[in-house]
N, C-alpha and C. Protein backbone atom coordinates (compact mmCIF):
# COMPACT_ATOMS: atom_id res chain seq x y z
N MET A 1 117.36 108.46 168.67
CA MET A 1 116.65 107.65 168.30
C MET A 1 116.57 106.15 168.94
N PRO A 2 115.54 105.93 169.69
CA PRO A 2 115.67 104.32 170.09
C PRO A 2 115.34 103.66 169.07
N ILE A 3 115.98 102.66 168.83
CA ILE A 3 115.64 101.24 168.00
C ILE A 3 115.31 100.42 168.96
N VAL A 4 114.44 99.44 169.07
CA VAL A 4 113.90 98.58 170.18
C VAL A 4 113.66 97.30 169.33
N GLY A 5 113.61 96.15 169.89
CA GLY A 5 112.98 94.66 169.25
C GLY A 5 111.96 94.52 169.43
N PRO A 6 111.48 93.37 168.94
CA PRO A 6 109.82 92.69 169.33
C PRO A 6 109.57 92.58 170.97
N GLU A 7 110.62 92.04 171.60
CA GLU A 7 110.41 91.97 172.98
C GLU A 7 110.00 93.28 173.76
N ARG A 8 110.28 94.56 173.17
CA ARG A 8 109.61 96.04 173.80
C ARG A 8 108.62 96.21 172.87
N LEU A 9 107.69 95.52 172.57
CA LEU A 9 106.41 95.43 171.53
C LEU A 9 105.74 96.70 172.48
N ASP A 10 105.53 96.11 173.92
CA ASP A 10 104.66 97.01 174.78
C ASP A 10 104.73 98.90 174.71
N GLU A 11 106.04 98.91 174.90
CA GLU A 11 106.66 100.09 174.45
C GLU A 11 106.52 100.66 173.51
N VAL A 12 106.35 99.97 172.24
CA VAL A 12 105.83 100.77 170.85
C VAL A 12 104.54 100.89 171.00
N VAL A 13 103.73 100.06 171.45
CA VAL A 13 101.90 100.18 171.64
C VAL A 13 101.50 101.65 172.31
N ARG A 14 102.53 101.41 173.73
CA ARG A 14 101.92 102.90 174.57
C ARG A 14 102.41 104.05 173.84
N ALA A 15 103.41 104.23 173.05
CA ALA A 15 103.77 105.35 172.27
C ALA A 15 102.72 105.55 171.37
N LEU A 16 102.30 104.69 170.68
CA LEU A 16 101.05 105.04 169.55
C LEU A 16 99.99 105.36 170.47
N LEU A 17 99.34 104.69 171.38
CA LEU A 17 98.39 104.96 172.21
C LEU A 17 98.37 106.42 172.91
N ALA A 18 99.49 106.93 173.19
CA ALA A 18 99.69 108.34 173.80
C ALA A 18 99.68 109.19 172.37
N GLY A 19 99.86 109.07 171.15
CA GLY A 19 99.60 109.67 170.32
C GLY A 19 100.78 110.20 169.31
N GLU A 20 101.96 109.19 169.60
CA GLU A 20 103.19 109.45 169.00
C GLU A 20 103.02 108.71 167.93
N VAL A 21 104.23 109.25 166.96
CA VAL A 21 104.52 108.56 165.62
C VAL A 21 105.88 107.65 165.85
N VAL A 22 105.42 106.19 165.05
CA VAL A 22 106.35 105.46 165.58
C VAL A 22 106.44 104.58 164.05
N ALA A 23 107.99 104.13 164.39
CA ALA A 23 108.36 103.56 162.79
C ALA A 23 107.95 101.88 163.33
N ILE A 24 107.28 101.41 162.08
CA ILE A 24 107.30 99.91 162.50
C ILE A 24 107.67 99.06 161.21
N PRO A 25 107.93 97.96 160.85
CA PRO A 25 107.99 97.26 159.88
C PRO A 25 106.67 96.76 159.29
N THR A 26 106.54 96.54 158.06
CA THR A 26 105.50 96.18 157.32
C THR A 26 106.02 94.86 156.57
N ASP A 27 104.97 94.18 155.76
CA ASP A 27 105.65 93.12 155.19
C ASP A 27 106.08 93.38 153.78
N THR A 28 106.99 94.58 153.57
CA THR A 28 107.60 95.27 152.45
C THR A 28 108.37 96.02 152.93
N VAL A 29 108.13 97.24 153.56
CA VAL A 29 109.25 98.32 153.94
C VAL A 29 108.89 98.77 155.32
N TYR A 30 109.64 99.55 156.07
CA TYR A 30 109.23 100.12 157.03
C TYR A 30 107.97 101.29 156.98
N GLY A 31 107.35 101.70 158.23
CA GLY A 31 106.41 102.56 157.97
C GLY A 31 106.45 103.47 159.11
N LEU A 32 105.90 104.68 158.94
CA LEU A 32 105.61 105.64 160.10
C LEU A 32 104.33 105.38 160.30
N ALA A 33 103.80 105.21 161.72
CA ALA A 33 102.65 104.55 162.03
C ALA A 33 102.16 105.59 163.04
N ALA A 34 100.58 106.01 163.13
CA ALA A 34 100.02 106.62 163.93
C ALA A 34 98.55 106.16 164.29
N LEU A 35 97.90 106.58 165.34
CA LEU A 35 96.41 106.09 165.59
C LEU A 35 95.76 106.75 164.48
N PRO A 36 94.89 106.32 163.48
CA PRO A 36 93.89 106.60 162.47
C PRO A 36 93.06 107.76 163.22
N GLU A 37 92.58 107.62 164.14
CA GLU A 37 91.66 108.49 165.05
C GLU A 37 92.11 109.98 165.50
N ASP A 38 93.23 109.87 165.60
CA ASP A 38 94.11 110.75 166.37
C ASP A 38 94.55 112.05 165.32
N ALA A 39 93.83 113.11 165.07
CA ALA A 39 93.88 114.03 164.30
C ALA A 39 95.31 114.52 164.23
N ALA A 40 95.93 114.95 165.33
CA ALA A 40 97.16 115.39 165.77
C ALA A 40 98.20 114.68 165.26
N ALA A 41 98.25 113.51 165.80
CA ALA A 41 99.34 112.01 165.34
C ALA A 41 99.13 111.98 163.90
N VAL A 42 98.14 112.05 163.00
CA VAL A 42 98.17 111.70 161.60
C VAL A 42 98.76 113.09 161.21
N ALA A 43 98.30 114.23 161.45
CA ALA A 43 99.06 115.29 160.86
C ALA A 43 100.71 115.25 161.12
N ALA A 44 100.94 115.10 162.42
CA ALA A 44 102.38 114.80 162.79
C ALA A 44 103.23 113.73 161.67
N LEU A 45 102.56 112.66 161.54
CA LEU A 45 103.21 111.72 160.45
C LEU A 45 103.50 112.36 159.22
N ALA A 46 102.26 113.28 158.63
CA ALA A 46 102.24 113.83 157.11
C ALA A 46 103.58 114.79 157.41
N ALA A 47 103.38 115.51 158.52
CA ALA A 47 104.52 116.70 158.28
C ALA A 47 105.94 115.89 158.42
N LEU A 48 106.12 114.82 159.10
CA LEU A 48 107.40 114.29 159.04
C LEU A 48 108.13 113.74 157.68
N LYS A 49 106.90 113.53 156.98
CA LYS A 49 107.10 112.83 155.65
C LYS A 49 107.22 114.06 154.59
N GLY A 50 106.78 114.95 154.84
CA GLY A 50 106.63 116.67 153.95
C GLY A 50 105.49 116.18 153.03
N ARG A 51 104.46 115.59 153.59
CA ARG A 51 103.47 115.26 152.53
C ARG A 51 102.28 116.31 152.81
N SER A 52 101.53 116.37 152.11
CA SER A 52 100.46 117.39 151.94
C SER A 52 99.03 116.65 151.98
N GLY A 53 97.99 117.74 152.31
CA GLY A 53 96.61 116.84 152.00
C GLY A 53 96.25 116.19 151.01
N GLN A 54 96.93 116.47 149.95
CA GLN A 54 96.75 115.85 148.44
C GLN A 54 97.16 114.51 148.63
N HIS A 55 97.71 113.83 149.27
CA HIS A 55 98.12 112.66 149.24
C HIS A 55 98.09 111.89 150.58
N PRO A 56 96.69 111.02 150.55
CA PRO A 56 96.20 110.61 151.88
C PRO A 56 97.26 109.64 152.39
N ILE A 57 97.12 109.30 153.63
CA ILE A 57 97.69 108.18 154.08
C ILE A 57 96.71 106.70 154.25
N ALA A 58 97.35 105.57 153.91
CA ALA A 58 96.38 104.62 154.18
C ALA A 58 96.34 103.78 155.69
N VAL A 59 95.38 103.33 155.84
CA VAL A 59 95.10 102.50 156.90
C VAL A 59 95.26 101.03 156.77
N LEU A 60 96.26 100.42 157.78
CA LEU A 60 96.43 99.03 157.93
C LEU A 60 96.01 98.82 158.94
N PHE A 61 95.11 97.38 158.72
CA PHE A 61 94.36 96.81 159.50
C PHE A 61 95.31 95.09 159.94
N ASP A 62 94.37 94.73 161.30
CA ASP A 62 94.53 93.59 161.46
C ASP A 62 93.03 92.38 161.28
N ASP A 63 92.13 93.05 161.43
CA ASP A 63 90.99 92.40 161.24
C ASP A 63 89.91 93.13 160.70
N ILE A 64 89.13 92.76 159.81
CA ILE A 64 88.26 93.27 159.04
C ILE A 64 86.98 94.54 159.66
N GLU A 65 86.90 93.90 160.93
CA GLU A 65 85.70 94.20 162.08
C GLU A 65 86.27 95.73 162.32
N ALA A 66 87.66 95.69 162.39
CA ALA A 66 88.29 97.06 163.04
C ALA A 66 87.98 98.08 162.26
N ILE A 67 88.04 97.94 161.22
CA ILE A 67 87.98 98.92 159.96
C ILE A 67 86.67 99.50 159.56
N THR A 68 85.64 98.88 160.15
CA THR A 68 84.27 99.11 159.44
C THR A 68 84.02 100.76 159.92
N PRO A 69 84.46 101.37 161.08
CA PRO A 69 84.18 102.63 161.05
C PRO A 69 84.57 103.61 159.89
N TYR A 70 85.42 103.08 159.09
CA TYR A 70 86.02 103.85 158.24
C TYR A 70 85.36 103.82 156.82
N VAL A 71 84.55 102.74 156.97
CA VAL A 71 84.45 102.36 155.47
C VAL A 71 82.61 102.65 155.17
N GLU A 72 82.17 103.23 154.62
CA GLU A 72 80.63 104.06 154.16
C GLU A 72 80.08 102.65 153.83
N ASP A 73 80.58 101.47 152.99
CA ASP A 73 79.67 100.42 152.86
C ASP A 73 80.75 99.26 153.09
N PRO A 74 80.59 98.90 154.55
CA PRO A 74 81.75 97.65 155.10
C PRO A 74 81.12 96.30 154.54
N LEU A 75 80.04 96.01 153.98
CA LEU A 75 79.89 94.62 153.32
C LEU A 75 80.64 94.78 152.00
N ALA A 76 81.10 95.62 151.27
CA ALA A 76 81.75 95.53 150.01
C ALA A 76 83.05 94.99 149.99
N LEU A 77 83.60 94.77 151.25
CA LEU A 77 84.96 94.44 151.43
C LEU A 77 84.85 93.05 151.56
N ARG A 78 83.66 92.18 152.00
CA ARG A 78 83.66 90.65 152.01
C ARG A 78 84.13 90.10 150.84
N ALA A 79 84.01 90.53 149.62
CA ALA A 79 84.83 89.73 148.81
C ALA A 79 86.11 89.69 148.14
N LEU A 80 86.85 90.70 149.17
CA LEU A 80 88.35 90.96 149.04
C LEU A 80 88.97 90.16 150.40
N ALA A 81 88.17 89.67 151.24
CA ALA A 81 88.86 89.07 152.40
C ALA A 81 89.63 87.71 151.84
N GLY A 82 89.40 87.06 150.88
CA GLY A 82 90.33 85.95 150.40
C GLY A 82 91.81 86.46 149.82
N PHE A 83 91.62 87.52 149.59
CA PHE A 83 93.09 88.38 149.56
C PHE A 83 93.65 88.93 150.39
N TRP A 84 93.38 88.96 151.74
CA TRP A 84 94.21 89.43 152.66
C TRP A 84 94.30 88.21 153.56
N PRO A 85 95.47 88.46 154.41
CA PRO A 85 96.55 89.42 154.22
C PRO A 85 97.34 89.31 153.03
N GLY A 86 97.68 90.46 152.64
CA GLY A 86 98.57 90.37 151.46
C GLY A 86 98.66 91.67 150.67
N ALA A 87 98.91 91.66 149.22
CA ALA A 87 99.45 92.95 148.52
C ALA A 87 98.25 93.48 147.76
N LEU A 88 97.16 93.75 148.39
CA LEU A 88 95.80 94.46 147.72
C LEU A 88 95.55 95.57 148.85
N THR A 89 95.62 96.71 148.22
CA THR A 89 94.85 97.88 148.79
C THR A 89 93.46 98.41 148.09
N ALA A 90 92.51 98.31 148.99
CA ALA A 90 91.44 98.42 148.50
C ALA A 90 90.77 100.32 148.96
N VAL A 91 90.58 100.96 147.75
CA VAL A 91 90.12 102.31 148.19
C VAL A 91 88.64 102.58 148.04
N VAL A 92 88.34 102.82 149.39
CA VAL A 92 86.95 102.93 150.00
C VAL A 92 86.54 104.12 150.26
N ARG A 93 85.24 104.81 149.86
CA ARG A 93 84.31 105.92 150.54
C ARG A 93 84.59 105.87 151.85
N VAL A 94 84.74 106.89 152.45
CA VAL A 94 84.53 106.94 154.25
C VAL A 94 83.66 107.86 154.54
N PRO A 95 82.80 107.70 155.52
CA PRO A 95 81.74 108.35 155.88
C PRO A 95 82.10 109.51 155.95
N ALA A 96 81.07 110.71 155.92
CA ALA A 96 81.40 112.17 155.98
C ALA A 96 81.76 112.64 157.33
N GLY A 97 83.02 113.46 157.75
CA GLY A 97 83.43 113.83 158.65
C GLY A 97 84.30 112.60 159.28
N LEU A 98 84.75 111.91 158.69
CA LEU A 98 85.75 111.09 159.28
C LEU A 98 87.04 111.63 159.38
N ALA A 99 87.68 111.76 160.70
CA ALA A 99 89.23 111.76 161.08
C ALA A 99 89.55 113.33 160.75
N THR A 100 90.29 113.28 159.66
CA THR A 100 91.39 114.25 159.20
C THR A 100 91.18 114.56 157.94
N ALA A 101 92.01 115.53 157.38
CA ALA A 101 92.14 115.61 155.98
C ALA A 101 93.52 115.20 155.71
N ALA A 102 94.44 114.86 156.61
CA ALA A 102 95.57 114.16 156.35
C ALA A 102 95.48 112.64 156.11
N LEU A 103 94.51 112.21 156.62
CA LEU A 103 94.00 110.48 156.46
C LEU A 103 93.15 110.53 155.21
N THR A 104 92.47 111.21 154.86
CA THR A 104 91.51 110.98 153.50
C THR A 104 91.85 112.03 152.41
N SER A 105 91.50 111.72 151.34
CA SER A 105 91.60 112.45 150.21
C SER A 105 90.51 113.52 150.27
N LEU A 106 90.94 114.53 149.19
CA LEU A 106 89.95 115.75 149.27
C LEU A 106 89.13 115.38 148.22
N ALA A 107 88.33 113.89 147.82
CA ALA A 107 87.33 113.99 147.25
C ALA A 107 85.96 114.27 148.16
N PRO A 108 84.72 114.68 147.79
CA PRO A 108 83.79 115.02 148.49
C PRO A 108 83.16 114.57 149.53
N LEU A 109 83.39 113.21 149.61
CA LEU A 109 83.07 112.32 150.78
C LEU A 109 84.73 111.73 151.60
N GLY A 110 85.39 112.02 150.66
CA GLY A 110 86.70 111.40 151.27
C GLY A 110 86.72 109.85 150.83
N THR A 111 88.28 109.49 150.46
CA THR A 111 88.43 108.22 150.16
C THR A 111 89.68 107.59 150.86
N LEU A 112 89.43 106.26 151.04
CA LEU A 112 90.74 105.76 151.99
C LEU A 112 91.38 104.83 151.45
N GLY A 113 92.67 104.09 151.40
CA GLY A 113 93.06 103.04 151.21
C GLY A 113 93.30 102.14 152.37
N LEU A 114 92.63 100.91 152.34
CA LEU A 114 92.99 99.84 153.37
C LEU A 114 93.79 98.76 152.82
N ARG A 115 94.68 98.11 153.99
CA ARG A 115 95.52 96.97 153.69
C ARG A 115 95.25 96.13 154.73
N GLN A 116 95.63 95.18 154.74
CA GLN A 116 95.90 93.91 155.70
C GLN A 116 97.33 93.53 155.54
N PRO A 117 98.19 93.83 156.25
CA PRO A 117 99.89 93.35 155.75
C PRO A 117 100.02 92.17 156.27
N ASP A 118 100.87 91.24 155.58
CA ASP A 118 100.97 89.87 155.64
C ASP A 118 102.27 89.49 156.22
N ASP A 119 102.32 90.14 157.78
CA ASP A 119 103.42 90.16 158.49
C ASP A 119 103.03 89.98 160.03
N GLU A 120 103.33 89.15 160.69
CA GLU A 120 102.69 88.72 162.09
C GLU A 120 103.16 89.92 163.04
N LEU A 121 104.61 90.13 162.98
CA LEU A 121 105.11 91.68 163.63
C LEU A 121 104.19 92.87 163.88
N ALA A 122 103.74 93.40 162.41
CA ALA A 122 103.20 94.43 161.98
C ALA A 122 101.81 94.19 162.12
N ARG A 123 101.16 93.04 162.35
CA ARG A 123 99.88 93.10 162.73
C ARG A 123 99.58 92.92 164.29
N ALA A 124 100.64 92.46 164.74
CA ALA A 124 100.59 92.46 166.33
C ALA A 124 100.74 93.77 167.20
N VAL A 125 101.17 94.52 166.53
CA VAL A 125 101.24 96.17 166.70
C VAL A 125 100.13 96.60 166.45
N ILE A 126 99.52 96.35 165.37
CA ILE A 126 98.26 96.78 164.93
C ILE A 126 97.22 96.64 165.52
N ARG A 127 97.05 95.08 166.29
CA ARG A 127 95.75 94.36 166.85
C ARG A 127 96.18 94.92 168.11
N ALA A 128 97.43 95.15 168.84
CA ALA A 128 97.58 95.83 170.05
C ALA A 128 96.76 97.15 170.30
N CYS A 129 97.01 98.03 169.22
CA CYS A 129 96.37 99.46 169.00
C CYS A 129 95.02 99.59 168.81
N GLY A 130 94.27 98.59 168.73
CA GLY A 130 92.98 98.68 168.35
C GLY A 130 92.50 97.88 167.29
N GLY A 131 93.48 97.43 166.27
CA GLY A 131 93.15 97.12 165.00
C GLY A 131 93.02 97.61 163.94
N ALA A 132 93.64 98.88 163.99
CA ALA A 132 94.10 99.99 162.66
C ALA A 132 94.80 100.77 163.21
N LEU A 133 96.08 101.21 162.10
CA LEU A 133 96.65 102.20 162.22
C LEU A 133 96.79 102.64 160.75
N ALA A 134 96.92 104.14 161.08
CA ALA A 134 97.46 104.77 159.80
C ALA A 134 99.13 104.61 159.40
N VAL A 135 99.23 104.21 158.33
CA VAL A 135 100.52 103.94 157.89
C VAL A 135 101.10 105.04 156.63
N SER A 136 102.14 105.13 156.62
CA SER A 136 103.11 105.54 155.32
C SER A 136 104.32 105.33 155.17
N SER A 137 104.83 104.73 154.30
CA SER A 137 106.24 104.35 154.31
C SER A 137 107.42 105.05 154.88
N ALA A 138 108.37 104.82 155.75
CA ALA A 138 109.19 105.41 156.45
C ALA A 138 110.04 106.20 155.68
N ASN A 139 110.12 107.42 154.88
CA ASN A 139 110.82 108.05 153.99
C ASN A 139 110.38 109.21 154.25
N ARG A 140 111.25 110.33 153.95
CA ARG A 140 110.68 111.58 153.37
C ARG A 140 110.39 111.53 151.71
N THR A 141 109.19 112.45 151.79
CA THR A 141 108.65 112.40 150.00
C THR A 141 109.68 112.41 149.17
N GLY A 142 109.52 111.91 148.20
CA GLY A 142 110.50 111.69 147.10
C GLY A 142 111.70 110.74 147.42
N GLU A 143 111.93 110.22 148.23
CA GLU A 143 113.00 109.66 148.76
C GLU A 143 112.87 108.04 148.77
N PRO A 144 113.51 106.82 148.64
CA PRO A 144 113.27 105.69 149.01
C PRO A 144 112.90 105.29 150.28
N PRO A 145 111.87 104.10 150.10
CA PRO A 145 111.27 103.83 151.56
C PRO A 145 112.23 102.75 152.47
N ALA A 146 112.57 103.01 153.71
CA ALA A 146 113.17 102.74 154.44
C ALA A 146 113.15 101.21 154.27
N LEU A 147 114.36 100.02 154.26
CA LEU A 147 114.05 98.73 154.19
C LEU A 147 114.85 98.25 155.64
N SER A 148 114.97 99.00 156.57
CA SER A 148 115.70 98.31 157.87
C SER A 148 115.49 99.22 158.87
N ALA A 149 115.48 98.77 160.10
CA ALA A 149 115.86 100.06 161.30
C ALA A 149 116.52 101.13 161.36
N ALA A 150 118.05 100.55 160.74
CA ALA A 150 118.83 101.56 160.61
C ALA A 150 118.24 102.66 159.28
N GLU A 151 117.96 102.27 158.49
CA GLU A 151 117.63 103.31 157.26
C GLU A 151 116.63 104.41 157.72
N VAL A 152 115.78 103.58 158.45
CA VAL A 152 114.97 104.95 159.12
C VAL A 152 115.43 105.72 159.94
N ALA A 153 116.66 105.24 160.80
CA ALA A 153 117.24 106.28 161.80
C ALA A 153 118.16 107.37 160.73
N ALA A 154 118.61 106.82 159.59
CA ALA A 154 119.29 107.55 158.87
C ALA A 154 118.54 108.28 158.15
N ALA A 155 117.29 108.29 157.64
CA ALA A 155 116.43 109.04 157.04
C ALA A 155 115.85 110.15 158.31
N PHE A 156 115.60 110.06 159.49
CA PHE A 156 114.93 110.72 160.02
C PHE A 156 115.74 111.20 161.35
N GLY A 157 117.10 111.21 161.50
CA GLY A 157 117.58 111.15 162.83
C GLY A 157 118.14 112.20 162.66
N THR A 158 118.63 113.32 161.65
CA THR A 158 119.16 114.22 161.45
C THR A 158 118.83 115.18 160.86
N GLY A 159 119.23 116.66 160.95
CA GLY A 159 118.43 117.70 160.16
C GLY A 159 117.58 118.42 160.95
N ALA A 160 116.23 119.38 160.05
CA ALA A 160 115.23 119.74 160.67
C ALA A 160 114.31 118.71 161.01
N ASN A 161 114.23 117.58 160.77
CA ASN A 161 113.34 116.54 161.20
C ASN A 161 113.65 115.56 162.12
N GLU A 162 114.65 116.23 162.99
CA GLU A 162 115.23 115.46 163.99
C GLU A 162 114.31 114.70 164.85
N LEU A 163 114.55 113.43 164.99
CA LEU A 163 113.30 112.59 165.80
C LEU A 163 114.30 112.19 166.74
N ASP A 164 114.92 112.67 167.63
CA ASP A 164 115.45 111.67 168.67
C ASP A 164 114.80 110.85 169.56
N GLY A 165 113.52 111.34 169.74
CA GLY A 165 112.68 110.47 170.62
C GLY A 165 111.76 109.51 169.87
N LEU A 166 112.06 109.63 168.39
CA LEU A 166 111.06 108.56 167.83
C LEU A 166 111.38 106.73 167.91
N LEU A 167 110.68 105.98 168.21
CA LEU A 167 110.68 104.84 168.54
C LEU A 167 110.81 103.95 167.03
N VAL A 168 111.40 103.27 166.65
CA VAL A 168 111.61 102.42 165.61
C VAL A 168 111.74 100.94 166.08
N LEU A 169 110.70 99.89 165.78
CA LEU A 169 110.62 99.01 165.86
C LEU A 169 111.29 98.04 164.85
N ASP A 170 112.39 97.27 165.49
CA ASP A 170 113.42 96.68 164.50
C ASP A 170 112.62 95.33 164.22
N GLY A 171 112.41 95.06 163.07
CA GLY A 171 111.42 93.56 162.68
C GLY A 171 112.80 93.21 161.92
N GLY A 172 114.07 93.63 161.65
CA GLY A 172 114.64 92.97 160.60
C GLY A 172 114.69 93.51 159.03
N ALA A 173 115.24 92.90 158.40
CA ALA A 173 115.70 93.77 157.08
C ALA A 173 113.92 93.05 156.56
N ARG A 174 113.51 94.36 155.46
CA ARG A 174 112.28 94.07 154.51
C ARG A 174 112.55 94.17 153.31
N PRO A 175 111.76 93.36 152.59
CA PRO A 175 112.23 92.59 151.12
C PRO A 175 111.80 93.66 150.14
N GLY A 176 111.20 94.84 150.28
CA GLY A 176 110.79 95.83 149.33
C GLY A 176 109.93 95.01 148.31
N GLY A 177 110.33 95.44 147.42
CA GLY A 177 109.52 94.91 146.07
C GLY A 177 108.15 95.53 145.45
N THR A 178 107.41 94.96 144.83
CA THR A 178 106.47 95.52 143.87
C THR A 178 105.31 95.79 144.82
N ALA A 179 105.06 97.27 144.54
CA ALA A 179 103.64 98.18 145.43
C ALA A 179 102.53 97.06 145.28
N SER A 180 101.87 97.13 146.38
CA SER A 180 100.40 96.11 146.07
C SER A 180 99.41 96.64 144.99
N THR A 181 98.63 95.81 144.71
CA THR A 181 97.33 96.19 143.65
C THR A 181 96.61 96.94 144.12
N VAL A 182 95.90 98.05 143.64
CA VAL A 182 95.04 98.78 144.01
C VAL A 182 93.74 98.56 143.26
N VAL A 183 92.59 98.43 144.09
CA VAL A 183 91.59 98.55 143.46
C VAL A 183 90.49 99.65 143.91
N ASP A 184 89.86 100.45 143.44
CA ASP A 184 89.07 101.33 143.37
C ASP A 184 87.39 100.66 143.77
N MET A 185 87.21 100.67 145.09
CA MET A 185 85.71 100.37 145.35
C MET A 185 84.58 101.37 145.05
N THR A 186 85.15 102.55 144.84
CA THR A 186 84.20 103.78 144.93
C THR A 186 83.91 104.18 143.27
N ALA A 187 84.21 103.02 142.51
CA ALA A 187 83.93 102.92 141.12
C ALA A 187 82.72 102.20 140.98
N GLU A 188 82.25 102.49 139.93
CA GLU A 188 80.81 101.66 139.69
C GLU A 188 80.97 100.96 137.98
N PRO A 189 81.54 100.00 137.58
CA PRO A 189 82.01 98.99 138.36
C PRO A 189 83.47 99.15 139.09
N PRO A 190 83.89 98.45 140.29
CA PRO A 190 85.03 98.70 140.63
C PRO A 190 86.25 98.58 139.60
N ALA A 191 87.25 99.04 139.59
CA ALA A 191 88.44 99.29 138.79
C ALA A 191 89.83 99.29 139.63
N VAL A 192 90.63 98.71 138.82
CA VAL A 192 92.04 98.46 139.42
C VAL A 192 92.81 99.62 138.85
N LEU A 193 93.41 100.23 139.88
CA LEU A 193 94.12 101.34 139.81
C LEU A 193 95.68 101.09 139.58
N ARG A 194 96.01 100.29 139.96
CA ARG A 194 97.41 99.58 140.12
C ARG A 194 97.37 98.12 139.85
N GLU A 195 98.01 97.36 138.92
CA GLU A 195 98.42 96.15 139.36
C GLU A 195 99.82 95.74 139.91
N GLY A 196 99.16 94.96 140.84
CA GLY A 196 100.65 94.74 141.90
C GLY A 196 101.32 93.40 141.55
N PRO A 197 101.23 92.71 142.66
CA PRO A 197 101.73 91.13 142.89
C PRO A 197 100.18 90.18 142.49
N LEU A 198 99.08 90.98 142.89
CA LEU A 198 97.78 90.27 142.81
C LEU A 198 97.10 90.65 141.28
N ALA A 199 96.83 89.65 140.60
CA ALA A 199 96.31 89.69 139.45
C ALA A 199 94.92 90.59 139.40
N ALA A 200 94.84 91.49 138.54
CA ALA A 200 93.75 92.46 138.35
C ALA A 200 92.55 91.42 138.15
N ASP A 201 92.78 90.52 137.41
CA ASP A 201 91.18 89.94 136.79
C ASP A 201 90.74 89.17 137.94
N ALA A 202 91.54 88.58 138.94
CA ALA A 202 91.04 88.02 140.14
C ALA A 202 90.45 88.77 140.98
N VAL A 203 90.92 89.96 141.21
CA VAL A 203 90.15 90.70 142.16
C VAL A 203 88.90 91.28 141.79
N LEU A 204 88.94 91.52 140.20
CA LEU A 204 87.97 91.99 140.00
C LEU A 204 86.65 91.05 139.55
N ALA A 205 86.97 89.72 139.60
CA ALA A 205 86.17 88.70 139.38
C ALA A 205 85.41 88.53 140.63
N ALA A 206 86.42 88.54 141.62
CA ALA A 206 85.80 88.30 143.20
C ALA A 206 84.60 89.47 143.35
N LEU A 207 85.09 90.35 143.05
CA LEU A 207 83.74 91.74 143.34
C LEU A 207 82.87 91.68 142.33
N ALA A 208 82.81 90.74 141.22
CA ALA A 208 82.05 90.76 140.54
C ALA A 208 80.77 89.68 141.06
N THR A 209 81.45 88.66 141.68
CA THR A 209 80.93 87.65 142.24
C THR A 209 79.77 88.25 143.21
N LEU A 210 80.48 88.83 144.09
CA LEU A 210 79.65 89.76 145.05
C LEU A 210 78.43 90.41 144.56
N ARG A 211 78.64 91.45 143.41
CA ARG A 211 77.48 92.32 143.05
C ARG A 211 76.68 91.52 142.46
N ASP A 212 77.03 90.02 141.79
CA ASP A 212 75.97 89.47 141.03
C ASP A 212 75.11 88.70 142.49
N ALA A 213 75.95 88.41 143.59
CA ALA A 213 75.00 87.73 144.61
C ALA A 213 74.01 88.62 145.09
N GLU A 214 74.50 89.67 145.13
CA GLU A 214 73.59 90.94 146.02
C GLU A 214 72.29 91.32 145.11
N GLY A 215 72.65 91.21 143.68
CA GLY A 215 71.72 91.51 142.97
C GLY A 215 70.67 90.26 142.70
N GLU A 216 71.04 89.14 143.17
CA GLU A 216 69.90 87.85 143.17
C GLU A 216 69.28 88.19 144.36
N ARG A 217 69.21 88.81 145.37
CA ARG A 217 68.51 88.85 146.44
C ARG A 217 67.12 89.75 146.06
């Protein structure tokens, strides 16, 4: 299992663009990443984790413009721009027929979690791949997420899911910490599903301001 440093970022990007699953550091833990529009790659990512279609895979982005194809109402994200990059995940409704069952939930039109990580290396990879990547924590379902490249190798380097060819981008130790605040943008009014480092009141107030402004037009 090759572990490579940031100086080999181009190699990591080439692997992702070729439809491979790659492990990358995020601002909290290491994640397994794949192109979100590549159905086979997303399915392979889910299979590595042992995750079913009942558990959708989030999309991490570098720029809001890059995720507009994944959002039924892109304008709704404007109110959240001030919280990104950071520990906020927005659950949005996606256009009918988007990508794969592994990427979206089993809701009638599908929903998707979006987040901009607060980590320059992670965003550099995402940017070089077109601005968005499907990412899920680098661990098998039910086990703790990997906090280092060595832990990724330990989790996936042996046994039935042996991944001798899996590239792991080593960004050093990750801090772990509290999971992101999750806001459901599909609810009316929007609702906080999980409160994390960002205060729920601040997120909901920003969304309420946007709704009030749109109502005055």
